[in-house]
Amino acid sequence: MDCELCRNEQASSFHHLIPRTLHSNKWFKKRFTREQMQGGIQVCRPCHLAIHNLIPSEKELGRHFNTREKLLAHEAIRRFVAWKKSR
């Protein structure tokens, strides 16, 4: 399976769209189902590292970037993916 962000490399990593450290947090439990909290995307290692380096706050990831589309709407992620696709 190709990376769900860059589509270039073989996906080798599962990215939880809502980080596992937040699954017991009341704010997330009220707003998301168990299935939504366990959901994620398959990404290559460089894209996975970029996600966590460019958006270091797990709460920000879980609250604002909890879908593939929202991740790709993040300016720095979008630029990274475009750069990676051009290689």
C-alpha atoms as a PDB file:
ATOM      1  CA  MET A   1       0.000   0.000   0.000  1.00  0.00           C
ATOM      2  CA  ASP A   2       1.275   3.459  -0.906  1.00  0.00           C
ATOM      3  CA  CYS A   3       1.614   6.249   1.625  1.00  0.00           C
ATOM      4  CA  GLU A   4      -1.728   8.013   2.050  1.00  0.00           C
ATOM      5  CA  LEU A   5      -0.039  11.427   2.038  1.00  0.00           C
ATOM      6  CA  CYS A   6       2.707  11.451  -0.589  1.00  0.00           C
ATOM      7  CA  ARG A   7       1.604   8.374  -2.582  1.00  0.00           C
ATOM      8  CA  ASN A   8       5.309   7.841  -3.433  1.00  0.00           C
ATOM      9  CA  GLU A   9       6.608   5.313  -0.975  1.00  0.00           C
ATOM     10  CA  GLN A  10       5.463   2.070   0.512  1.00  0.00           C
ATOM     11  CA  ALA A  11       3.527   2.818   3.691  1.00  0.00           C
ATOM     12  CA  SER A  12       5.297   1.228   6.615  1.00  0.00           C
ATOM     13  CA  SER A  13       3.779   3.060   9.544  1.00  0.00           C
ATOM     14  CA  PHE A  14       0.307   3.579  11.026  1.00  0.00           C
ATOM     15  CA  HIS A  15      -0.431   7.144  12.102  1.00  0.00           C
ATOM     16  CA  HIS A  16      -3.245   7.444  14.659  1.00  0.00           C
ATOM     17  CA  LEU A  17      -5.237  10.506  13.662  1.00  0.00           C
ATOM     18  CA  ILE A  18      -6.012  11.021  17.343  1.00  0.00           C
ATOM     19  CA  PRO A  19      -2.847  10.140  19.276  1.00  0.00           C
ATOM     20  CA  ARG A  20      -3.236   7.177  21.630  1.00  0.00           C
ATOM     21  CA  THR A  21      -2.084   9.251  24.595  1.00  0.00           C
ATOM     22  CA  LEU A  22      -5.336  11.225  24.266  1.00  0.00           C
ATOM     23  CA  HIS A  23      -7.759   8.293  24.124  1.00  0.00           C
ATOM     24  CA  SER A  24      -8.537   8.510  27.850  1.00  0.00           C
ATOM     25  CA  ASN A  25      -8.873  12.316  27.805  1.00  0.00           C
ATOM     26  CA  LYS A  26     -12.444  13.448  28.651  1.00  0.00           C
ATOM     27  CA  TRP A  27     -12.503  16.115  25.916  1.00  0.00           C
ATOM     28  CA  PHE A  28     -11.803  13.505  23.241  1.00  0.00           C
ATOM     29  CA  LYS A  29     -14.086  10.846  24.754  1.00  0.00           C
ATOM     30  CA  LYS A  30     -17.019  13.290  24.585  1.00  0.00           C
ATOM     31  CA  ARG A  31     -16.431  14.217  20.939  1.00  0.00           C
ATOM     32  CA  PHE A  32     -15.221  11.049  19.238  1.00  0.00           C
ATOM     33  CA  THR A  33     -16.368   7.452  19.120  1.00  0.00           C
ATOM     34  CA  ARG A  34     -14.004   4.642  19.995  1.00  0.00           C
ATOM     35  CA  GLU A  35     -13.743   3.783  16.280  1.00  0.00           C
ATOM     36  CA  GLN A  36     -12.843   7.374  15.398  1.00  0.00           C
ATOM     37  CA  MET A  37     -10.156   7.458  18.075  1.00  0.00           C
ATOM     38  CA  GLN A  38      -8.637   4.211  16.832  1.00  0.00           C
ATOM     39  CA  GLY A  39      -8.695   5.330  13.206  1.00  0.00           C
ATOM     40  CA  GLY A  40      -5.630   6.310  11.281  1.00  0.00           C
ATOM     41  CA  ILE A  41      -3.792   6.336   7.988  1.00  0.00           C
ATOM     42  CA  GLN A  42      -0.925   4.326   6.528  1.00  0.00           C
ATOM     43  CA  VAL A  43       2.070   6.540   5.842  1.00  0.00           C
ATOM     44  CA  CYS A  44       5.717   6.147   4.911  1.00  0.00           C
ATOM     45  CA  ARG A  45       8.322   6.806   7.578  1.00  0.00           C
ATOM     46  CA  PRO A  46       9.405  10.236   6.224  1.00  0.00           C
ATOM     47  CA  CYS A  47       5.801  11.493   6.172  1.00  0.00           C
ATOM     48  CA  HIS A  48       5.139  10.119   9.662  1.00  0.00           C
ATOM     49  CA  LEU A  49       8.225  11.882  10.999  1.00  0.00           C
ATOM     50  CA  ALA A  50       7.208  15.104   9.231  1.00  0.00           C
ATOM     51  CA  ILE A  51       3.741  15.018  10.812  1.00  0.00           C
ATOM     52  CA  HIS A  52       5.174  14.772  14.318  1.00  0.00           C
ATOM     53  CA  ASN A  53       8.009  17.230  13.699  1.00  0.00           C
ATOM     54  CA  LEU A  54       5.828  19.879  12.056  1.00  0.00           C
ATOM     55  CA  ILE A  55       2.915  19.504  14.503  1.00  0.00           C
ATOM     56  CA  PRO A  56       4.628  18.528  17.762  1.00  0.00           C
ATOM     57  CA  SER A  57       1.596  19.016  20.026  1.00  0.00           C
ATOM     58  CA  GLU A  58      -0.434  15.817  20.297  1.00  0.00           C
ATOM     59  CA  LYS A  59      -3.485  17.780  21.450  1.00  0.00           C
ATOM     60  CA  GLU A  60      -3.246  20.010  18.377  1.00  0.00           C
ATOM     61  CA  LEU A  61      -2.937  16.920  16.176  1.00  0.00           C
ATOM     62  CA  GLY A  62      -5.976  15.285  17.777  1.00  0.00           C
ATOM     63  CA  ARG A  63      -8.155  18.376  17.873  1.00  0.00           C
ATOM     64  CA  HIS A  64      -7.375  20.071  14.574  1.00  0.00           C
ATOM     65  CA  PHE A  65      -5.645  17.572  12.267  1.00  0.00           C
ATOM     66  CA  ASN A  66      -7.621  14.364  12.816  1.00  0.00           C
ATOM     67  CA  THR A  67      -8.297  13.522   9.160  1.00  0.00           C
ATOM     68  CA  ARG A  68      -6.103  13.037   6.107  1.00  0.00           C
ATOM     69  CA  GLU A  69      -7.673  16.102   4.524  1.00  0.00           C
ATOM     70  CA  LYS A  70      -7.000  18.283   7.561  1.00  0.00           C
ATOM     71  CA  LEU A  71      -3.371  17.115   7.667  1.00  0.00           C
ATOM     72  CA  LEU A  72      -2.945  18.024   3.998  1.00  0.00           C
ATOM     73  CA  ALA A  73      -4.529  21.432   4.679  1.00  0.00           C
ATOM     74  CA  HIS A  74      -1.736  22.244   7.161  1.00  0.00           C
ATOM     75  CA  GLU A  75       0.631  24.553   5.268  1.00  0.00           C
ATOM     76  CA  ALA A  76       3.889  22.928   6.390  1.00  0.00           C
ATOM     77  CA  ILE A  77       2.603  19.381   5.793  1.00  0.00           C
ATOM     78  CA  ARG A  78       1.302  20.389   2.355  1.00  0.00           C
ATOM     79  CA  ARG A  79       4.702  21.893   1.453  1.00  0.00           C
ATOM     80  CA  PHE A  80       6.537  18.787   2.701  1.00  0.00           C
ATOM     81  CA  VAL A  81       4.298  16.454   0.686  1.00  0.00           C
ATOM     82  CA  ALA A  82       4.688  18.613  -2.448  1.00  0.00           C
ATOM     83  CA  TRP A  83       8.477  18.616  -1.996  1.00  0.00           C
ATOM     84  CA  LYS A  84       8.512  14.850  -1.495  1.00  0.00           C
ATOM     85  CA  LYS A  85       6.352  14.261  -4.591  1.00  0.00           C
ATOM     86  CA  SER A  86       8.745  16.344  -6.686  1.00  0.00           C
ATOM     87  CA  ARG A  87      11.731  14.152  -5.822  1.00  0.00           C
END
